[in-house]
Amino acid sequence: MKIYTKTGDKGTTSLIGGTRLSKAHVRIDAYGTVDELNSYIGMLRDQPVNENRKDLLKEIQDRLFTIGSHLASESDQTKRILPDLSENDVTILESAMDFIDSQVPPLRAFVLPGGHPSVSFGHIARTVCRRAERAVIHLQQGEEVEEIVIRYLNRLSDYLFMLCRAMTYELNIEEVTWKPRI
């Protein structure tokens, strides 16, 4: 099988089920942004500071592929056998955040992104996650999207923020807080 099909040369692509859409369609934007997020999660997984979190980060990547498969499918296709996303997936993220929260100092101010390349990658992933969430919500305004998808992306962005706090703490980097000019 060749990787190139030439079927997208005129600016369209196919959903699972065969419907062709413009590559600028909100659905394509939504799952494309989820794919971008997945790449950033892979970069986070490759950071030495995340050695003990590799399994969780791979699990997150698997869930993002699941979300992508749902977003890339026509409505009637989601009733076919597609990977599932469950409340337990959200709970896993919440448990990971609770653990991190028990390890890092209390948050007393807004935190500026940065301080170390690994932390910066985490904040980029967090903001791409927020963009993916907005794109899926935009899609949901016109088409059916499972609520669990939005809930998962929302919780994932929170987890990524907490992951950044954990990396900052473990790398012994100062957390730079925002001090607004008044």
N, C-alpha and C. Protein backbone atom coordinates (compact mmCIF):
# COMPACT_ATOMS: atom_id res chain seq x y z
N MET A 1 0.85 -1.19 0.00
CA MET A 1 0.00 0.00 0.00
C MET A 1 0.88 1.24 0.00
N LYS A 2 0.62 2.13 -0.93
CA LYS A 2 1.37 3.38 -0.99
C LYS A 2 0.80 4.37 0.01
N ILE A 3 1.68 5.20 0.56
CA ILE A 3 1.26 6.20 1.53
C ILE A 3 0.53 7.36 0.83
N TYR A 4 0.87 7.59 -0.41
CA TYR A 4 0.19 8.67 -1.12
C TYR A 4 -0.86 8.10 -2.06
N THR A 5 -2.04 8.75 -2.04
CA THR A 5 -3.15 8.28 -2.87
C THR A 5 -3.52 9.29 -3.95
N LYS A 6 -3.09 10.52 -3.76
CA LYS A 6 -3.38 11.64 -4.66
C LYS A 6 -4.84 12.06 -4.59
N THR A 7 -5.65 11.40 -3.76
CA THR A 7 -7.07 11.76 -3.69
C THR A 7 -7.29 13.09 -2.96
N GLY A 8 -6.31 13.55 -2.20
CA GLY A 8 -6.44 14.82 -1.50
C GLY A 8 -5.83 15.99 -2.22
N ASP A 9 -5.38 15.77 -3.45
CA ASP A 9 -4.69 16.83 -4.19
C ASP A 9 -5.57 18.03 -4.52
N LYS A 10 -6.87 17.85 -4.43
CA LYS A 10 -7.78 18.96 -4.73
C LYS A 10 -8.37 19.56 -3.45
N GLY A 11 -7.74 19.25 -2.30
CA GLY A 11 -8.15 19.88 -1.06
C GLY A 11 -9.27 19.20 -0.31
N THR A 12 -9.51 17.92 -0.60
CA THR A 12 -10.53 17.17 0.14
C THR A 12 -9.90 15.92 0.74
N THR A 13 -10.59 15.35 1.72
CA THR A 13 -10.16 14.11 2.34
C THR A 13 -11.40 13.30 2.69
N SER A 14 -11.20 12.03 2.99
CA SER A 14 -12.34 11.14 3.29
C SER A 14 -12.45 10.87 4.77
N LEU A 15 -13.69 10.83 5.24
CA LEU A 15 -13.97 10.34 6.59
C LEU A 15 -14.03 8.83 6.54
N ILE A 16 -13.96 8.20 7.72
CA ILE A 16 -14.20 6.76 7.79
C ILE A 16 -15.68 6.58 7.45
N GLY A 17 -15.96 5.93 6.37
CA GLY A 17 -17.33 5.80 5.87
C GLY A 17 -17.41 6.31 4.44
N GLY A 18 -16.41 7.10 4.00
CA GLY A 18 -16.33 7.49 2.60
C GLY A 18 -16.69 8.91 2.23
N THR A 19 -17.40 9.63 3.08
CA THR A 19 -17.76 11.01 2.75
C THR A 19 -16.51 11.86 2.59
N ARG A 20 -16.48 12.63 1.51
CA ARG A 20 -15.34 13.52 1.28
C ARG A 20 -15.70 14.91 1.81
N LEU A 21 -14.74 15.51 2.48
CA LEU A 21 -14.90 16.85 3.03
C LEU A 21 -13.70 17.71 2.66
N SER A 22 -13.91 19.01 2.65
CA SER A 22 -12.80 19.94 2.47
C SER A 22 -11.83 19.76 3.63
N LYS A 23 -10.55 19.85 3.34
CA LYS A 23 -9.55 19.75 4.41
C LYS A 23 -9.64 20.94 5.37
N ALA A 24 -10.41 21.95 5.00
CA ALA A 24 -10.63 23.11 5.87
C ALA A 24 -11.89 22.95 6.72
N HIS A 25 -12.61 21.84 6.58
CA HIS A 25 -13.84 21.60 7.34
C HIS A 25 -13.53 21.54 8.83
N VAL A 26 -14.46 21.99 9.65
CA VAL A 26 -14.28 22.02 11.10
C VAL A 26 -13.98 20.62 11.66
N ARG A 27 -14.53 19.58 11.10
CA ARG A 27 -14.27 18.21 11.56
C ARG A 27 -12.81 17.84 11.33
N ILE A 28 -12.29 18.19 10.17
CA ILE A 28 -10.89 17.87 9.85
C ILE A 28 -9.97 18.69 10.75
N ASP A 29 -10.33 19.94 11.01
CA ASP A 29 -9.56 20.78 11.91
C ASP A 29 -9.53 20.16 13.31
N ALA A 30 -10.66 19.66 13.76
CA ALA A 30 -10.75 19.08 15.11
C ALA A 30 -9.84 17.86 15.24
N TYR A 31 -9.96 16.90 14.32
CA TYR A 31 -9.12 15.71 14.52
C TYR A 31 -7.67 15.98 14.12
N GLY A 32 -7.44 16.95 13.27
CA GLY A 32 -6.06 17.35 12.97
C GLY A 32 -5.37 17.97 14.18
N THR A 33 -6.12 18.75 14.95
CA THR A 33 -5.55 19.36 16.15
C THR A 33 -5.32 18.30 17.22
N VAL A 34 -6.20 17.32 17.30
CA VAL A 34 -5.99 16.20 18.23
C VAL A 34 -4.72 15.44 17.82
N ASP A 35 -4.50 15.27 16.54
CA ASP A 35 -3.30 14.61 16.05
C ASP A 35 -2.05 15.41 16.41
N GLU A 36 -2.12 16.73 16.25
CA GLU A 36 -1.01 17.60 16.64
C GLU A 36 -0.72 17.44 18.13
N LEU A 37 -1.76 17.44 18.94
CA LEU A 37 -1.61 17.25 20.38
C LEU A 37 -0.92 15.92 20.67
N ASN A 38 -1.31 14.88 19.96
CA ASN A 38 -0.72 13.56 20.17
C ASN A 38 0.80 13.61 19.94
N SER A 39 1.23 14.38 18.95
CA SER A 39 2.66 14.51 18.68
C SER A 39 3.37 15.20 19.84
N TYR A 40 2.75 16.22 20.39
CA TYR A 40 3.36 16.89 21.54
C TYR A 40 3.40 15.99 22.77
N ILE A 41 2.39 15.16 22.95
CA ILE A 41 2.42 14.21 24.06
C ILE A 41 3.58 13.24 23.86
N GLY A 42 3.82 12.83 22.61
CA GLY A 42 4.97 11.97 22.31
C GLY A 42 6.28 12.65 22.68
N MET A 43 6.38 13.95 22.41
CA MET A 43 7.59 14.68 22.78
C MET A 43 7.74 14.72 24.30
N LEU A 44 6.63 14.90 25.01
CA LEU A 44 6.69 14.88 26.48
C LEU A 44 7.11 13.50 26.99
N ARG A 45 6.60 12.46 26.35
CA ARG A 45 6.94 11.10 26.76
C ARG A 45 8.43 10.84 26.60
N ASP A 46 9.06 11.50 25.63
CA ASP A 46 10.48 11.31 25.36
C ASP A 46 11.40 12.10 26.31
N GLN A 47 10.84 12.95 27.16
CA GLN A 47 11.66 13.73 28.08
C GLN A 47 12.14 12.85 29.23
N PRO A 48 13.43 12.88 29.53
CA PRO A 48 13.95 12.04 30.64
C PRO A 48 13.20 12.23 31.95
N VAL A 49 12.76 13.44 32.26
CA VAL A 49 12.05 13.70 33.51
C VAL A 49 10.74 12.90 33.60
N ASN A 50 10.23 12.46 32.46
CA ASN A 50 8.96 11.73 32.44
C ASN A 50 9.15 10.22 32.31
N GLU A 51 10.33 9.73 32.61
CA GLU A 51 10.61 8.30 32.51
C GLU A 51 9.58 7.47 33.27
N ASN A 52 9.21 7.91 34.47
CA ASN A 52 8.24 7.16 35.28
C ASN A 52 6.80 7.38 34.84
N ARG A 53 6.58 8.26 33.91
CA ARG A 53 5.22 8.53 33.42
C ARG A 53 5.02 8.07 31.98
N LYS A 54 5.99 7.36 31.43
CA LYS A 54 5.91 6.94 30.02
C LYS A 54 4.65 6.13 29.74
N ASP A 55 4.30 5.23 30.65
CA ASP A 55 3.12 4.39 30.42
C ASP A 55 1.85 5.23 30.38
N LEU A 56 1.71 6.16 31.32
CA LEU A 56 0.53 7.02 31.33
C LEU A 56 0.49 7.89 30.07
N LEU A 57 1.62 8.44 29.69
CA LEU A 57 1.64 9.30 28.49
C LEU A 57 1.33 8.48 27.24
N LYS A 58 1.78 7.24 27.17
CA LYS A 58 1.41 6.39 26.03
C LYS A 58 -0.08 6.09 26.06
N GLU A 59 -0.63 5.85 27.25
CA GLU A 59 -2.07 5.63 27.39
C GLU A 59 -2.84 6.86 26.89
N ILE A 60 -2.37 8.04 27.23
CA ILE A 60 -3.00 9.27 26.74
C ILE A 60 -2.94 9.33 25.22
N GLN A 61 -1.79 8.97 24.65
CA GLN A 61 -1.69 8.95 23.19
C GLN A 61 -2.68 7.96 22.58
N ASP A 62 -2.82 6.81 23.20
CA ASP A 62 -3.81 5.83 22.72
C ASP A 62 -5.22 6.42 22.76
N ARG A 63 -5.56 7.11 23.85
CA ARG A 63 -6.89 7.71 23.97
C ARG A 63 -7.07 8.81 22.92
N LEU A 64 -6.01 9.56 22.64
CA LEU A 64 -6.13 10.59 21.60
C LEU A 64 -6.35 9.97 20.23
N PHE A 65 -5.74 8.82 19.96
CA PHE A 65 -6.03 8.11 18.71
C PHE A 65 -7.49 7.67 18.69
N THR A 66 -8.00 7.22 19.84
CA THR A 66 -9.41 6.85 19.93
C THR A 66 -10.29 8.04 19.60
N ILE A 67 -9.99 9.18 20.20
CA ILE A 67 -10.77 10.39 19.92
C ILE A 67 -10.68 10.74 18.44
N GLY A 68 -9.49 10.66 17.88
CA GLY A 68 -9.32 10.95 16.45
C GLY A 68 -10.15 10.03 15.58
N SER A 69 -10.22 8.74 15.95
CA SER A 69 -11.01 7.80 15.14
C SER A 69 -12.49 8.14 15.21
N HIS A 70 -12.96 8.59 16.36
CA HIS A 70 -14.36 8.98 16.48
C HIS A 70 -14.63 10.25 15.68
N LEU A 71 -13.72 11.21 15.74
CA LEU A 71 -13.93 12.46 15.01
C LEU A 71 -13.79 12.28 13.51
N ALA A 72 -13.03 11.28 13.08
CA ALA A 72 -12.82 11.04 11.65
C ALA A 72 -13.87 10.12 11.05
N SER A 73 -14.86 9.74 11.85
CA SER A 73 -15.90 8.82 11.39
C SER A 73 -17.22 9.53 11.18
N GLU A 74 -17.95 9.07 10.19
CA GLU A 74 -19.31 9.56 10.00
C GLU A 74 -20.16 9.08 11.18
N SER A 75 -21.24 9.77 11.48
CA SER A 75 -22.07 9.45 12.64
C SER A 75 -22.47 7.99 12.68
N ASP A 76 -22.91 7.43 11.56
CA ASP A 76 -23.35 6.03 11.57
C ASP A 76 -22.18 5.06 11.75
N GLN A 77 -20.97 5.52 11.48
CA GLN A 77 -19.79 4.66 11.64
C GLN A 77 -19.42 4.48 13.11
N THR A 78 -19.76 5.47 13.96
CA THR A 78 -19.39 5.36 15.38
C THR A 78 -20.15 4.23 16.05
N LYS A 79 -21.23 3.78 15.42
CA LYS A 79 -21.97 2.66 15.98
C LYS A 79 -21.30 1.33 15.63
N ARG A 80 -20.35 1.39 14.71
CA ARG A 80 -19.58 0.20 14.38
C ARG A 80 -18.49 0.02 15.44
N ILE A 81 -17.66 -0.93 15.24
CA ILE A 81 -16.63 -1.21 16.24
C ILE A 81 -15.50 -0.18 16.11
N LEU A 82 -15.52 0.77 17.05
CA LEU A 82 -14.45 1.75 17.18
C LEU A 82 -13.90 1.62 18.59
N PRO A 83 -12.65 1.99 18.79
CA PRO A 83 -12.14 1.97 20.17
C PRO A 83 -13.01 2.85 21.06
N ASP A 84 -13.09 2.49 22.33
CA ASP A 84 -13.97 3.25 23.22
C ASP A 84 -13.19 4.20 24.11
N LEU A 85 -13.90 5.20 24.58
CA LEU A 85 -13.41 6.18 25.54
C LEU A 85 -14.40 6.09 26.69
N SER A 86 -13.91 6.00 27.93
CA SER A 86 -14.83 5.78 29.05
C SER A 86 -14.56 6.77 30.17
N GLU A 87 -15.46 6.78 31.12
CA GLU A 87 -15.31 7.62 32.31
C GLU A 87 -14.04 7.25 33.06
N ASN A 88 -13.66 5.98 33.01
CA ASN A 88 -12.43 5.55 33.67
C ASN A 88 -11.21 6.28 33.11
N ASP A 89 -11.23 6.60 31.82
CA ASP A 89 -10.12 7.34 31.21
C ASP A 89 -10.00 8.73 31.84
N VAL A 90 -11.12 9.35 32.12
CA VAL A 90 -11.13 10.66 32.79
C VAL A 90 -10.64 10.49 34.23
N THR A 91 -11.11 9.45 34.89
CA THR A 91 -10.72 9.19 36.28
C THR A 91 -9.22 8.96 36.41
N ILE A 92 -8.62 8.30 35.45
CA ILE A 92 -7.17 8.07 35.46
C ILE A 92 -6.43 9.41 35.48
N LEU A 93 -6.88 10.36 34.67
CA LEU A 93 -6.25 11.68 34.65
C LEU A 93 -6.45 12.39 35.98
N GLU A 94 -7.65 12.29 36.53
CA GLU A 94 -7.93 12.94 37.82
C GLU A 94 -7.07 12.36 38.93
N SER A 95 -6.90 11.06 38.94
CA SER A 95 -6.05 10.42 39.95
C SER A 95 -4.60 10.86 39.81
N ALA A 96 -4.13 10.95 38.58
CA ALA A 96 -2.75 11.40 38.35
C ALA A 96 -2.57 12.84 38.84
N MET A 97 -3.57 13.68 38.60
CA MET A 97 -3.51 15.07 39.08
C MET A 97 -3.53 15.13 40.60
N ASP A 98 -4.36 14.32 41.22
CA ASP A 98 -4.42 14.30 42.69
C ASP A 98 -3.06 13.89 43.27
N PHE A 99 -2.42 12.91 42.65
CA PHE A 99 -1.11 12.49 43.12
C PHE A 99 -0.10 13.62 43.00
N ILE A 100 -0.06 14.26 41.83
CA ILE A 100 0.87 15.38 41.63
C ILE A 100 0.60 16.48 42.65
N ASP A 101 -0.67 16.77 42.85
CA ASP A 101 -1.05 17.84 43.79
C ASP A 101 -0.54 17.53 45.20
N SER A 102 -0.47 16.27 45.55
CA SER A 102 0.02 15.89 46.88
C SER A 102 1.55 16.00 46.98
N GLN A 103 2.23 16.13 45.84
CA GLN A 103 3.69 16.15 45.82
C GLN A 103 4.29 17.55 45.67
N VAL A 104 3.58 18.43 45.00
CA VAL A 104 4.14 19.76 44.70
C VAL A 104 3.63 20.79 45.71
N PRO A 105 4.36 21.91 45.85
CA PRO A 105 3.89 22.96 46.76
C PRO A 105 2.54 23.51 46.30
N PRO A 106 1.75 24.05 47.23
CA PRO A 106 0.46 24.63 46.85
C PRO A 106 0.63 25.76 45.83
N LEU A 107 -0.31 25.87 44.94
CA LEU A 107 -0.30 26.93 43.92
C LEU A 107 -0.88 28.20 44.53
N ARG A 108 -0.12 29.29 44.48
CA ARG A 108 -0.57 30.54 45.10
C ARG A 108 -0.67 31.70 44.11
N ALA A 109 -0.30 31.43 42.85
CA ALA A 109 -0.35 32.49 41.83
C ALA A 109 -0.38 31.84 40.45
N PHE A 110 -0.69 32.64 39.45
CA PHE A 110 -0.60 32.15 38.08
C PHE A 110 0.85 31.87 37.75
N VAL A 111 1.09 30.83 36.96
CA VAL A 111 2.44 30.41 36.62
C VAL A 111 2.72 30.76 35.17
N LEU A 112 3.90 31.35 34.92
CA LEU A 112 4.31 31.63 33.55
C LEU A 112 4.92 30.36 32.94
N PRO A 113 4.57 30.04 31.71
CA PRO A 113 5.16 28.87 31.07
C PRO A 113 6.67 29.02 30.92
N GLY A 114 7.38 27.92 31.07
CA GLY A 114 8.83 27.93 30.82
C GLY A 114 9.63 27.52 32.03
N GLY A 115 10.92 27.80 31.95
CA GLY A 115 11.85 27.47 33.01
C GLY A 115 12.78 26.33 32.65
N HIS A 116 12.34 25.47 31.76
CA HIS A 116 13.12 24.31 31.31
C HIS A 116 12.46 23.82 30.02
N PRO A 117 13.25 23.33 29.05
CA PRO A 117 12.65 22.86 27.79
C PRO A 117 11.54 21.83 28.00
N SER A 118 11.70 20.89 28.92
CA SER A 118 10.66 19.87 29.14
C SER A 118 9.37 20.51 29.62
N VAL A 119 9.49 21.47 30.51
CA VAL A 119 8.30 22.18 31.03
C VAL A 119 7.66 22.99 29.91
N SER A 120 8.49 23.63 29.10
CA SER A 120 7.95 24.42 27.97
C SER A 120 7.19 23.53 27.00
N PHE A 121 7.73 22.33 26.71
CA PHE A 121 7.01 21.39 25.84
C PHE A 121 5.66 21.05 26.45
N GLY A 122 5.63 20.88 27.76
CA GLY A 122 4.37 20.58 28.45
C GLY A 122 3.35 21.68 28.31
N HIS A 123 3.79 22.92 28.42
CA HIS A 123 2.86 24.04 28.28
C HIS A 123 2.38 24.19 26.84
N ILE A 124 3.25 23.88 25.89
CA ILE A 124 2.80 23.90 24.49
C ILE A 124 1.73 22.82 24.29
N ALA A 125 1.97 21.63 24.83
CA ALA A 125 0.97 20.56 24.72
C ALA A 125 -0.34 20.99 25.37
N ARG A 126 -0.26 21.65 26.53
CA ARG A 126 -1.46 22.11 27.24
C ARG A 126 -2.26 23.10 26.37
N THR A 127 -1.58 24.03 25.73
CA THR A 127 -2.30 25.02 24.93
C THR A 127 -2.86 24.41 23.64
N VAL A 128 -2.14 23.44 23.07
CA VAL A 128 -2.68 22.73 21.90
C VAL A 128 -3.89 21.91 22.32
N CYS A 129 -3.86 21.35 23.52
CA CYS A 129 -5.01 20.60 24.04
C CYS A 129 -6.22 21.52 24.16
N ARG A 130 -6.02 22.72 24.68
CA ARG A 130 -7.12 23.69 24.79
C ARG A 130 -7.67 24.03 23.41
N ARG A 131 -6.77 24.17 22.42
CA ARG A 131 -7.22 24.47 21.05
C ARG A 131 -8.01 23.30 20.49
N ALA A 132 -7.54 22.07 20.76
CA ALA A 132 -8.28 20.88 20.30
C ALA A 132 -9.66 20.85 20.94
N GLU A 133 -9.73 21.16 22.22
CA GLU A 133 -11.03 21.19 22.90
C GLU A 133 -11.96 22.22 22.26
N ARG A 134 -11.44 23.40 21.95
CA ARG A 134 -12.27 24.43 21.30
C ARG A 134 -12.73 23.97 19.92
N ALA A 135 -11.84 23.31 19.18
CA ALA A 135 -12.21 22.83 17.84
C ALA A 135 -13.30 21.77 17.92
N VAL A 136 -13.22 20.88 18.91
CA VAL A 136 -14.24 19.84 19.07
C VAL A 136 -15.56 20.46 19.50
N ILE A 137 -15.51 21.45 20.38
CA ILE A 137 -16.73 22.14 20.79
C ILE A 137 -17.36 22.86 19.59
N HIS A 138 -16.53 23.45 18.75
CA HIS A 138 -17.03 24.10 17.53
C HIS A 138 -17.72 23.07 16.64
N LEU A 139 -17.10 21.91 16.48
CA LEU A 139 -17.70 20.84 15.69
C LEU A 139 -19.03 20.40 16.31
N GLN A 140 -19.07 20.30 17.63
CA GLN A 140 -20.28 19.86 18.33
C GLN A 140 -21.45 20.82 18.12
N GLN A 141 -21.16 22.06 17.84
CA GLN A 141 -22.24 23.03 17.61
C GLN A 141 -23.04 22.71 16.36
N GLY A 142 -22.47 21.92 15.45
CA GLY A 142 -23.20 21.58 14.24
C GLY A 142 -23.40 20.10 14.01
N GLU A 143 -22.66 19.28 14.73
CA GLU A 143 -22.73 17.84 14.52
C GLU A 143 -22.64 17.13 15.86
N GLU A 144 -23.05 15.89 15.86
CA GLU A 144 -23.02 15.11 17.11
C GLU A 144 -21.58 14.74 17.47
N VAL A 145 -21.21 15.05 18.69
CA VAL A 145 -19.92 14.65 19.26
C VAL A 145 -20.21 14.12 20.66
N GLU A 146 -19.65 12.99 20.99
CA GLU A 146 -19.86 12.41 22.32
C GLU A 146 -19.31 13.35 23.39
N GLU A 147 -20.09 13.57 24.43
CA GLU A 147 -19.70 14.47 25.53
C GLU A 147 -18.40 14.04 26.19
N ILE A 148 -18.15 12.74 26.26
CA ILE A 148 -16.94 12.24 26.91
C ILE A 148 -15.68 12.75 26.22
N VAL A 149 -15.76 13.01 24.93
CA VAL A 149 -14.60 13.53 24.20
C VAL A 149 -14.21 14.89 24.74
N ILE A 150 -15.17 15.76 24.90
CA ILE A 150 -14.90 17.11 25.42
C ILE A 150 -14.44 17.03 26.87
N ARG A 151 -15.08 16.18 27.66
CA ARG A 151 -14.69 16.03 29.06
C ARG A 151 -13.25 15.53 29.17
N TYR A 152 -12.88 14.58 28.33
CA TYR A 152 -11.52 14.05 28.37
C TYR A 152 -10.51 15.13 27.99
N LEU A 153 -10.77 15.87 26.93
CA LEU A 153 -9.83 16.92 26.51
C LEU A 153 -9.72 18.00 27.58
N ASN A 154 -10.83 18.34 28.21
CA ASN A 154 -10.81 19.34 29.27
C ASN A 154 -9.93 18.87 30.43
N ARG A 155 -10.14 17.62 30.83
CA ARG A 155 -9.36 17.08 31.94
C ARG A 155 -7.90 16.90 31.57
N LEU A 156 -7.66 16.55 30.31
CA LEU A 156 -6.28 16.38 29.85
C LEU A 156 -5.51 17.69 29.92
N SER A 157 -6.14 18.79 29.56
CA SER A 157 -5.42 20.07 29.64
C SER A 157 -5.09 20.40 31.09
N ASP A 158 -5.99 20.06 32.01
CA ASP A 158 -5.69 20.25 33.44
C ASP A 158 -4.52 19.35 33.86
N TYR A 159 -4.54 18.10 33.41
CA TYR A 159 -3.45 17.19 33.73
C TYR A 159 -2.12 17.74 33.20
N LEU A 160 -2.13 18.25 31.98
CA LEU A 160 -0.88 18.77 31.40
C LEU A 160 -0.34 19.94 32.21
N PHE A 161 -1.22 20.78 32.74
CA PHE A 161 -0.77 21.86 33.62
C PHE A 161 -0.10 21.28 34.86
N MET A 162 -0.75 20.28 35.46
CA MET A 162 -0.18 19.65 36.66
C MET A 162 1.11 18.90 36.34
N LEU A 163 1.19 18.31 35.16
CA LEU A 163 2.42 17.65 34.74
C LEU A 163 3.55 18.67 34.67
N CYS A 164 3.26 19.85 34.16
CA CYS A 164 4.28 20.91 34.11
C CYS A 164 4.75 21.27 35.51
N ARG A 165 3.81 21.34 36.44
CA ARG A 165 4.18 21.64 37.83
C ARG A 165 5.06 20.52 38.39
N ALA A 166 4.70 19.27 38.08
CA ALA A 166 5.49 18.13 38.57
C ALA A 166 6.89 18.16 37.98
N MET A 167 7.00 18.41 36.68
CA MET A 167 8.32 18.46 36.06
C MET A 167 9.16 19.58 36.66
N THR A 168 8.55 20.74 36.87
CA THR A 168 9.26 21.87 37.47
C THR A 168 9.80 21.48 38.84
N TYR A 169 8.98 20.84 39.63
CA TYR A 169 9.36 20.42 40.98
C TYR A 169 10.48 19.37 40.92
N GLU A 170 10.32 18.36 40.08
CA GLU A 170 11.30 17.28 40.01
C GLU A 170 12.64 17.73 39.43
N LEU A 171 12.59 18.72 38.54
CA LEU A 171 13.82 19.26 37.94
C LEU A 171 14.46 20.33 38.83
N ASN A 172 13.80 20.61 39.95
CA ASN A 172 14.27 21.62 40.89
C ASN A 172 14.44 22.99 40.21
N ILE A 173 13.43 23.33 39.40
CA ILE A 173 13.40 24.60 38.69
C ILE A 173 12.45 25.52 39.43
N GLU A 174 12.79 26.79 39.48
CA GLU A 174 11.89 27.73 40.13
C GLU A 174 10.65 27.94 39.28
N GLU A 175 9.50 27.85 39.90
CA GLU A 175 8.23 28.13 39.24
C GLU A 175 8.09 29.64 39.16
N VAL A 176 8.05 30.18 37.95
CA VAL A 176 7.98 31.62 37.78
C VAL A 176 6.51 32.04 37.79
N THR A 177 6.16 32.86 38.75
CA THR A 177 4.77 33.29 38.87
C THR A 177 4.57 34.64 38.20
N TRP A 178 3.36 34.85 37.77
CA TRP A 178 2.98 36.10 37.13
C TRP A 178 2.77 37.17 38.21
N LYS A 179 3.45 38.27 38.00
CA LYS A 179 3.30 39.42 38.91
C LYS A 179 2.80 40.58 38.06
N PRO A 180 1.48 40.79 38.05
CA PRO A 180 0.92 41.84 37.18
C PRO A 180 1.37 43.23 37.60
N ARG A 181 1.62 44.07 36.60
CA ARG A 181 1.92 45.48 36.88
C ARG A 181 0.64 46.17 37.27
N ILE A 182 0.70 46.93 38.32
CA ILE A 182 -0.49 47.67 38.75
C ILE A 182 -0.13 49.14 38.83
